Amino acid sequence: MKELQGHTHLIICFDGGCEPNPGPAAIGIVFYDHHRQRLATFSKRLGILTNNEAEYHALTKALQIAKDAGATHVAIYGDSQLVINQVKGIWKCSAANLVAHCRSAKRLKQSFTVCKLFWMAREKNAVADRLASQALGRTVGPIEEHIPYG
């Protein structure tokens, strides 16, 4: 993404979701600079996935975009405790449908000089959640943007 070029330090919020679970899935990602100014957003509708698979897709896409843009330091925020804690190595990933996703995220995480992952409450992840919802074709109302500190 050209909006990210030249920004070595990024704050990223990601979300993935589906309805029903499993069902049609989508992802939403928001990129901020180290001054917490929004640089870019990304959203995409996916196929039929579980909610956890969609969350992993969002994380790996966010990491890949940051890597391709040349970022070296990233602070990643997501509202999936499962994904955050599995990629951090706090929780074991043993679900057959998630193991490859977890490996990919861990591999991408190693591409950065610094890559920190943080859990944030769903209501604080409103912009990424809205992007995923819109990609699924849902109508969403106004939101309050909560920018993490990174």
Protein backbone atom coordinates (compact mmCIF):
# COMPACT_ATOMS: atom_id res chain seq x y z
CA MET A 1 0.00 0.00 0.00
CA LYS A 2 1.55 3.24 -1.11
CA GLU A 3 0.13 5.14 1.89
CA LEU A 4 2.39 3.08 4.16
CA GLN A 5 5.62 3.57 2.24
CA GLY A 6 8.29 5.35 4.29
CA HIS A 7 6.62 4.52 7.61
CA THR A 8 8.89 2.13 9.49
CA HIS A 9 6.83 2.18 12.71
CA LEU A 10 3.19 1.16 12.40
CA ILE A 11 0.29 0.60 14.76
CA ILE A 12 -2.19 -1.87 13.29
CA CYS A 13 -5.68 -2.93 14.34
CA PHE A 14 -7.18 -6.02 12.73
CA ASP A 15 -10.45 -7.90 12.87
CA GLY A 16 -11.99 -10.87 11.16
CA GLY A 17 -15.50 -12.12 11.37
CA CYS A 18 -18.16 -14.28 9.86
CA GLU A 19 -21.88 -14.75 10.09
CA PRO A 20 -23.00 -17.39 10.90
CA ASN A 21 -20.00 -19.26 12.34
CA PRO A 22 -18.79 -20.82 10.10
CA GLY A 23 -20.09 -18.70 7.28
CA PRO A 24 -19.22 -15.93 4.83
CA ALA A 25 -16.19 -14.18 6.31
CA ALA A 26 -14.39 -10.86 5.94
CA ILE A 27 -11.46 -8.94 7.37
CA GLY A 28 -10.79 -5.33 8.30
CA ILE A 29 -7.42 -3.71 9.00
CA VAL A 30 -6.47 -0.17 10.04
CA PHE A 31 -2.93 1.20 9.81
CA TYR A 32 -1.70 4.15 11.91
CA ASP A 33 1.67 5.86 12.05
CA HIS A 34 3.60 6.21 15.31
CA HIS A 35 1.83 9.54 15.91
CA ARG A 36 -1.48 7.62 15.80
CA GLN A 37 -2.61 9.24 12.56
CA ARG A 38 -4.63 6.90 10.36
CA LEU A 39 -2.69 6.10 7.19
CA ALA A 40 -4.76 3.46 5.43
CA THR A 41 -7.44 0.82 5.74
CA PHE A 42 -7.95 -2.55 4.09
CA SER A 43 -10.97 -4.82 3.95
CA LYS A 44 -11.86 -7.90 1.98
CA ARG A 45 -14.62 -10.45 1.83
CA LEU A 46 -13.38 -14.03 2.11
CA GLY A 47 -15.03 -17.39 1.51
CA ILE A 48 -16.70 -19.60 4.08
CA LEU A 49 -14.57 -19.69 7.22
CA THR A 50 -14.86 -19.93 10.98
CA ASN A 51 -14.52 -16.76 13.04
CA ASN A 52 -11.06 -17.81 14.25
CA GLU A 53 -9.89 -18.54 10.71
CA ALA A 54 -11.08 -15.07 9.65
CA GLU A 55 -9.17 -13.50 12.56
CA TYR A 56 -6.00 -15.31 11.47
CA HIS A 57 -6.50 -14.19 7.87
CA ALA A 58 -6.80 -10.59 9.08
CA LEU A 59 -3.61 -10.84 11.16
CA THR A 60 -1.51 -12.46 8.44
CA LYS A 61 -2.74 -9.98 5.81
CA ALA A 62 -1.92 -7.08 8.14
CA LEU A 63 1.58 -8.43 8.76
CA GLN A 64 2.16 -9.08 5.05
CA ILE A 65 1.07 -5.57 4.08
CA ALA A 66 3.32 -4.04 6.77
CA LYS A 67 6.25 -6.19 5.67
CA ASP A 68 5.74 -5.32 1.98
CA ALA A 69 5.62 -1.62 2.90
CA GLY A 70 9.01 -1.87 4.64
CA ALA A 71 7.86 -1.48 8.22
CA THR A 72 10.39 -2.60 10.81
CA HIS A 73 8.49 -1.96 14.05
CA VAL A 74 4.83 -2.92 14.41
CA ALA A 75 2.38 -2.92 17.28
CA ILE A 76 -0.59 -5.13 16.41
CA TYR A 77 -3.95 -4.94 18.17
CA GLY A 78 -6.75 -7.45 17.80
CA ASP A 79 -9.84 -8.45 19.74
CA SER A 80 -9.28 -12.21 19.46
CA GLN A 81 -7.61 -13.44 22.64
CA LEU A 82 -7.19 -16.83 21.00
CA VAL A 83 -5.23 -15.54 18.00
CA ILE A 84 -3.15 -13.03 19.98
CA ASN A 85 -2.20 -15.56 22.67
CA GLN A 86 -1.50 -18.38 20.23
CA VAL A 87 0.79 -16.24 18.07
CA LYS A 88 2.56 -14.92 21.18
CA GLY A 89 3.10 -18.55 22.23
CA ILE A 90 1.13 -18.17 25.48
CA TRP A 91 -1.54 -20.62 24.34
CA LYS A 92 -0.95 -23.76 22.33
CA CYS A 93 -2.52 -23.97 18.89
CA SER A 94 -3.80 -27.48 18.31
CA ALA A 95 -7.00 -27.00 16.26
CA ALA A 96 -6.32 -28.62 12.90
CA ASN A 97 -7.91 -25.74 10.96
CA LEU A 98 -5.73 -23.13 12.71
CA VAL A 99 -2.26 -24.67 12.97
CA ALA A 100 -1.06 -23.56 9.51
CA HIS A 101 -2.48 -20.06 10.07
CA CYS A 102 -0.67 -19.77 13.39
CA ARG A 103 2.62 -20.89 11.83
CA SER A 104 2.23 -18.33 9.02
CA ALA A 105 1.56 -15.52 11.48
CA LYS A 106 4.57 -16.49 13.62
CA ARG A 107 6.79 -16.64 10.53
CA LEU A 108 5.64 -13.20 9.37
CA LYS A 109 6.09 -11.81 12.89
CA GLN A 110 9.79 -12.69 12.67
CA SER A 111 10.16 -10.39 9.62
CA PHE A 112 10.19 -7.33 11.88
CA THR A 113 12.83 -5.89 14.18
CA VAL A 114 10.06 -5.39 16.73
CA CYS A 115 6.61 -6.94 16.52
CA LYS A 116 4.38 -6.76 19.58
CA LEU A 117 0.86 -8.14 19.77
CA PHE A 118 -1.80 -6.85 22.11
CA TRP A 119 -5.36 -7.83 22.87
CA MET A 120 -7.95 -5.07 22.89
CA ALA A 121 -11.63 -5.18 23.75
CA ARG A 122 -13.98 -5.54 20.79
CA GLU A 123 -15.62 -2.17 21.41
CA LYS A 124 -12.19 -0.52 21.20
CA ASN A 125 -11.56 -2.21 17.84
CA ALA A 126 -14.54 -0.52 16.21
CA VAL A 127 -12.91 0.69 12.98
CA ALA A 128 -11.47 -2.70 12.00
CA ASP A 129 -14.73 -4.38 13.04
CA ARG A 130 -16.72 -1.93 10.92
CA LEU A 131 -14.51 -2.56 7.88
CA ALA A 132 -15.03 -6.32 8.17
CA SER A 133 -18.79 -5.84 8.66
CA GLN A 134 -19.03 -3.57 5.62
CA ALA A 135 -17.12 -6.11 3.51
CA LEU A 136 -19.82 -8.61 4.48
CA GLY A 137 -22.45 -6.17 3.27
CA ARG A 138 -23.78 -5.25 6.71
CA THR A 139 -25.07 -1.77 7.39
CA VAL A 140 -23.25 -0.21 10.29
CA GLY A 141 -23.92 3.00 12.19
CA PRO A 142 -21.53 5.64 13.49
CA ILE A 143 -18.65 4.52 15.67
CA GLU A 144 -16.17 6.04 18.06
CA GLU A 145 -12.57 5.45 17.02
CA HIS A 146 -10.20 4.31 19.77
CA ILE A 147 -6.59 4.59 18.67
CA PRO A 148 -4.20 2.29 20.53
CA TYR A 149 -0.93 3.57 21.91
CA GLY A 150 1.55 1.26 20.19
